[in-house]
């Protein structure tokens, strides 16, 4: 078992599981939680990537392969993470996928894939985490949605619909736990365009990278991309006791996109 950091923080001693954490936003979230003192389990469909990402984080960390659409995988990952790091107190449902397509052009195959991973995987994570957190004495579930849950995205029809589903699921989980008297909070985070390695590659590979970059930023009043660490910082704060009254809420981090 990895040794925990001796540096105390607002999440000191709490075990967190972050899905889709091999790279990008998920890895930045794992880093932020670890910096705040949490013991982190990074999971990803890319098992080797998850293990390498965990090795890059000082302190108590664990990397696991994980198909978030599998009920069996959720049970196995939770059992392994809790045996190694302690009772689950934080879950970040970050794993997701997207395929372009309009309401007319989207294939049924890709619609099902996006909805199953983004909405289905988040549902399975919430369902698995609630009893684990109840047994641990409380916890926080953070679901990563998107600004495209809150604005029309006709070229990303399935993606926007899936993230809107995540938003509504978050509210249902929050109210369910509150009414049951369970000390489990659930919130969603809605990023705008984040400059992950994947997005950087997509821009670099475009026929005109400058035009591609401008197109991404055209609707962002702040005039820049978010850094993954900014998403990580918000998620880490939401998991602390400073945010103890926040549940069922959506936290937007989109440079003003949905304000116009």
Protein backbone atom coordinates (compact mmCIF):
# COMPACT_ATOMS: atom_id res chain seq x y z
CA UNK A 1 0.00 0.00 0.00
CA UNK A 2 1.37 3.49 -0.88
CA UNK A 3 2.32 5.67 2.04
CA UNK A 4 0.26 8.79 2.63
CA UNK A 5 1.73 12.26 2.64
CA UNK A 6 2.72 13.78 5.98
CA UNK A 7 1.40 17.18 4.88
CA UNK A 8 -2.08 17.84 6.27
CA UNK A 9 -4.73 19.53 4.16
CA UNK A 10 -8.48 20.14 4.13
CA UNK A 11 -9.06 16.63 2.72
CA UNK A 12 -6.45 14.93 4.89
CA UNK A 13 -7.06 11.21 5.25
CA UNK A 14 -10.10 11.03 2.95
CA UNK A 15 -10.17 8.48 0.18
CA UNK A 16 -11.16 9.74 -3.28
CA UNK A 17 -11.86 7.86 -6.50
CA UNK A 18 -11.63 9.72 -9.80
CA UNK A 19 -12.74 8.10 -13.04
CA UNK A 20 -11.21 8.92 -16.42
CA UNK A 21 -8.10 10.04 -14.56
CA UNK A 22 -5.28 8.79 -16.78
CA UNK A 23 -4.86 12.23 -18.32
CA UNK A 24 -6.45 15.62 -18.87
CA UNK A 25 -9.12 16.95 -16.52
CA UNK A 26 -9.34 13.72 -14.52
CA UNK A 27 -5.62 13.67 -13.78
CA UNK A 28 -5.68 17.35 -12.80
CA UNK A 29 -8.55 16.65 -10.41
CA UNK A 30 -6.63 13.76 -8.86
CA UNK A 31 -3.58 16.00 -8.41
CA UNK A 32 -5.67 18.72 -6.75
CA UNK A 33 -7.34 16.28 -4.36
CA UNK A 34 -4.00 14.71 -3.45
CA UNK A 35 -2.51 18.16 -2.84
CA UNK A 36 -5.38 18.82 -0.42
CA UNK A 37 -4.46 15.66 1.50
CA UNK A 38 -6.71 13.00 -0.02
CA UNK A 39 -5.65 9.45 -0.79
CA UNK A 40 -6.56 9.05 -4.45
CA UNK A 41 -7.55 6.13 -6.65
CA UNK A 42 -7.28 6.98 -10.35
CA UNK A 43 -9.33 4.78 -12.66
CA UNK A 44 -9.52 4.68 -16.43
CA UNK A 45 -10.45 2.38 -19.30
CA UNK A 46 -6.72 2.72 -20.08
CA UNK A 47 -5.39 0.63 -17.18
CA UNK A 48 -1.71 1.27 -17.94
CA UNK A 49 -2.38 4.99 -18.24
CA UNK A 50 -4.14 5.03 -14.88
CA UNK A 51 -1.22 3.30 -13.19
CA UNK A 52 1.32 5.68 -14.74
CA UNK A 53 -0.80 8.68 -13.77
CA UNK A 54 -1.01 7.42 -10.18
CA UNK A 55 2.76 6.99 -10.02
CA UNK A 56 3.14 10.68 -10.93
CA UNK A 57 1.20 11.77 -7.82
CA UNK A 58 3.12 11.87 -4.51
CA UNK A 59 1.60 10.23 -1.46
CA UNK A 60 -1.12 7.60 -1.32
CA UNK A 61 -2.34 6.85 -4.81
CA UNK A 62 -3.54 3.86 -6.79
CA UNK A 63 -4.17 3.35 -10.53
CA UNK A 64 -6.81 0.90 -11.73
CA UNK A 65 -8.34 -0.17 -15.02
CA UNK A 66 -12.06 0.56 -15.03
CA UNK A 67 -14.97 0.31 -17.48
CA UNK A 68 -17.49 2.71 -15.94
CA UNK A 69 -20.35 1.12 -17.89
CA UNK A 70 -19.90 -2.22 -16.06
CA UNK A 71 -21.72 -2.88 -12.78
CA UNK A 72 -19.23 -5.62 -11.97
CA UNK A 73 -16.29 -3.30 -12.59
CA UNK A 74 -17.71 -0.71 -10.20
CA UNK A 75 -18.01 -3.27 -7.43
CA UNK A 76 -14.47 -4.54 -8.03
CA UNK A 77 -12.88 -1.08 -8.23
CA UNK A 78 -14.57 0.14 -5.05
CA UNK A 79 -13.54 -3.00 -3.18
CA UNK A 80 -9.92 -2.67 -4.33
CA UNK A 81 -9.68 1.07 -3.68
CA UNK A 82 -11.19 0.86 -0.20
CA UNK A 83 -9.04 -2.11 0.79
CA UNK A 84 -5.91 -0.19 -0.24
CA UNK A 85 -6.76 3.38 0.76
CA UNK A 86 -9.65 3.32 3.22
CA UNK A 87 -13.41 4.03 3.16
CA UNK A 88 -14.66 6.03 0.19
CA UNK A 89 -15.38 9.67 1.01
CA UNK A 90 -15.11 11.33 -2.41
CA UNK A 91 -16.16 10.20 -5.88
CA UNK A 92 -15.54 12.25 -9.01
CA UNK A 93 -17.44 10.90 -12.01
CA UNK A 94 -15.25 12.36 -14.72
CA UNK A 95 -14.99 9.59 -17.33
CA UNK A 96 -16.73 10.52 -20.55
CA UNK A 97 -16.73 10.39 -24.31
CA UNK A 98 -18.15 12.34 -27.22
CA UNK A 99 -18.98 11.93 -30.88
CA UNK A 100 -19.99 14.73 -33.26
CA UNK A 101 -23.41 14.64 -34.83
CA UNK A 102 -26.53 16.73 -35.39
CA UNK A 103 -30.09 15.59 -34.56
CA UNK A 104 -30.29 14.33 -38.16
CA UNK A 105 -26.79 12.96 -38.73
CA UNK A 106 -26.06 11.28 -35.41
CA UNK A 107 -25.84 7.51 -35.67
CA UNK A 108 -27.81 5.41 -33.23
CA UNK A 109 -24.62 3.51 -32.39
CA UNK A 110 -22.77 6.65 -31.33
CA UNK A 111 -25.81 8.04 -29.50
CA UNK A 112 -25.98 4.88 -27.41
CA UNK A 113 -22.23 4.92 -26.75
CA UNK A 114 -22.16 8.52 -25.54
CA UNK A 115 -25.27 8.17 -23.39
CA UNK A 116 -24.10 4.87 -21.89
CA UNK A 117 -20.64 6.16 -20.92
CA UNK A 118 -21.54 9.69 -19.84
CA UNK A 119 -24.97 9.26 -18.26
CA UNK A 120 -24.93 5.52 -17.56
CA UNK A 121 -21.42 5.44 -16.11
CA UNK A 122 -22.21 8.38 -13.85
CA UNK A 123 -25.41 6.71 -12.66
CA UNK A 124 -23.57 3.49 -11.82
CA UNK A 125 -20.92 5.46 -9.94
CA UNK A 126 -23.48 7.35 -7.88
CA UNK A 127 -25.44 4.20 -7.12
CA UNK A 128 -22.32 2.39 -5.95
CA UNK A 129 -20.94 5.31 -3.94
CA UNK A 130 -24.01 6.20 -1.86
CA UNK A 131 -24.00 3.10 0.39
CA UNK A 132 -20.20 3.13 0.62
CA UNK A 133 -20.23 6.77 1.76
CA UNK A 134 -23.10 6.15 4.14
CA UNK A 135 -21.03 3.42 5.78
CA UNK A 136 -18.02 5.74 5.91
CA UNK A 137 -19.98 8.44 7.73
CA UNK A 138 -20.45 10.77 4.79
CA UNK A 139 -19.03 11.88 1.51
CA UNK A 140 -19.18 13.99 -1.63
CA UNK A 141 -20.00 13.00 -5.21
CA UNK A 142 -18.87 15.42 -7.92
CA UNK A 143 -20.24 14.76 -11.39
CA UNK A 144 -18.41 16.40 -14.28
CA UNK A 145 -21.03 17.74 -16.66
CA UNK A 146 -20.36 20.44 -19.27
CA UNK A 147 -21.41 23.91 -20.32
CA UNK A 148 -23.05 22.08 -23.23
CA UNK A 149 -25.61 20.76 -20.76
CA UNK A 150 -26.85 24.34 -20.47
CA UNK A 151 -26.73 25.64 -24.04
CA UNK A 152 -27.70 24.34 -27.46
CA UNK A 153 -25.06 22.13 -29.03
CA UNK A 154 -26.55 20.86 -32.31
CA UNK A 155 -23.19 19.57 -33.57
CA UNK A 156 -22.74 17.62 -30.32
CA UNK A 157 -26.29 16.39 -29.88
CA UNK A 158 -25.64 13.23 -27.89
CA UNK A 159 -22.88 14.81 -25.79
CA UNK A 160 -25.05 17.76 -24.75
CA UNK A 161 -28.00 15.50 -23.98
CA UNK A 162 -25.84 13.16 -21.92
CA UNK A 163 -24.42 16.00 -19.86
CA UNK A 164 -27.91 17.42 -19.29
CA UNK A 165 -28.83 13.97 -17.98
CA UNK A 166 -25.84 14.11 -15.64
CA UNK A 167 -27.08 17.47 -14.33
CA UNK A 168 -30.54 16.13 -13.57
CA UNK A 169 -29.12 12.94 -12.05
CA UNK A 170 -27.00 15.10 -9.74
CA UNK A 171 -30.09 16.86 -8.42
CA UNK A 172 -31.92 13.57 -7.89
CA UNK A 173 -28.99 12.04 -6.00
CA UNK A 174 -28.62 15.14 -3.82
CA UNK A 175 -32.29 15.31 -2.85
CA UNK A 176 -32.53 11.54 -2.36
CA UNK A 177 -29.61 11.56 0.09
CA UNK A 178 -30.77 14.68 1.90
CA UNK A 179 -34.29 13.33 2.41
CA UNK A 180 -32.90 10.02 3.64
CA UNK A 181 -30.74 11.83 6.18
CA UNK A 182 -27.57 10.51 4.60
CA UNK A 183 -24.52 12.79 4.96
CA UNK A 184 -23.78 12.50 1.24
CA UNK A 185 -23.62 15.58 -0.98
CA UNK A 186 -23.78 15.59 -4.77
CA UNK A 187 -22.88 18.48 -7.07
CA UNK A 188 -22.03 18.93 -10.73
CA UNK A 189 -19.25 20.94 -12.38
CA UNK A 190 -19.81 22.41 -15.84
CA UNK A 191 -16.55 23.30 -17.62
CA UNK A 192 -16.28 25.18 -20.85
CA UNK A 193 -13.40 24.47 -23.27
CA UNK A 194 -10.42 23.15 -21.31
CA UNK A 195 -6.97 22.99 -22.88
CA UNK A 196 -6.27 19.31 -22.33
CA UNK A 197 -3.61 17.40 -24.31
CA UNK A 198 -6.44 15.93 -26.41
CA UNK A 199 -7.76 19.36 -27.37
CA UNK A 200 -4.25 20.64 -28.04
CA UNK A 201 -3.69 17.75 -30.46
CA UNK A 202 -7.03 18.33 -32.17
CA UNK A 203 -6.18 21.99 -32.76
CA UNK A 204 -2.66 21.18 -33.96
CA UNK A 205 -3.99 18.55 -36.39
CA UNK A 206 -6.64 20.84 -37.89
CA UNK A 207 -6.09 22.10 -41.47
CA UNK A 208 -5.74 25.61 -40.05
CA UNK A 209 -4.75 25.44 -36.35
CA UNK A 210 -5.15 29.19 -35.83
CA UNK A 211 -8.67 29.11 -37.25
CA UNK A 212 -9.52 26.03 -35.17
CA UNK A 213 -8.32 27.74 -31.99
CA UNK A 214 -10.31 30.88 -32.82
CA UNK A 215 -13.43 28.81 -33.45
CA UNK A 216 -13.19 27.19 -30.02
CA UNK A 217 -12.80 30.58 -28.32
CA UNK A 218 -15.33 32.52 -30.39
CA UNK A 219 -18.08 32.16 -27.81
CA UNK A 220 -15.89 32.55 -24.70
CA UNK A 221 -16.02 36.10 -23.28
CA UNK A 222 -12.90 35.42 -21.19
CA UNK A 223 -11.01 34.89 -24.46
CA UNK A 224 -9.02 31.87 -23.32
CA UNK A 225 -9.23 28.18 -22.54
CA UNK A 226 -9.48 26.89 -18.98
CA UNK A 227 -6.45 25.13 -17.59
CA UNK A 228 -7.22 21.61 -16.28
CA UNK A 229 -5.81 22.69 -12.92
CA UNK A 230 -8.58 25.29 -12.64
CA UNK A 231 -11.18 22.53 -12.87
CA UNK A 232 -9.19 20.53 -10.32
CA UNK A 233 -9.11 23.44 -7.92
CA UNK A 234 -12.87 23.93 -8.04
CA UNK A 235 -13.55 20.23 -7.54
CA UNK A 236 -11.15 20.06 -4.61
CA UNK A 237 -12.86 23.00 -2.89
CA UNK A 238 -16.30 21.45 -3.42
CA UNK A 239 -15.06 18.34 -1.59
CA UNK A 240 -13.96 20.28 1.51
CA UNK A 241 -16.03 21.16 4.56
CA UNK A 242 -16.00 24.78 3.35
CA UNK A 243 -18.61 23.72 0.78
CA UNK A 244 -20.67 21.66 3.24
CA UNK A 245 -23.96 23.41 2.35
CA UNK A 246 -23.56 22.84 -1.38
CA UNK A 247 -25.62 19.95 -2.71
CA UNK A 248 -27.74 19.56 -5.82
CA UNK A 249 -26.03 22.60 -7.32
CA UNK A 250 -24.33 23.13 -10.68
CA UNK A 251 -21.02 25.01 -10.66
CA UNK A 252 -20.13 26.58 -13.99
CA UNK A 253 -16.53 27.20 -15.05
CA UNK A 254 -16.79 28.33 -18.65
CA UNK A 255 -15.25 31.79 -19.00
CA UNK A 256 -18.69 33.33 -19.36
CA UNK A 257 -19.97 31.14 -22.23
CA UNK A 258 -23.37 30.48 -20.72
CA UNK A 259 -23.76 34.06 -19.51
CA UNK A 260 -24.35 35.37 -23.03
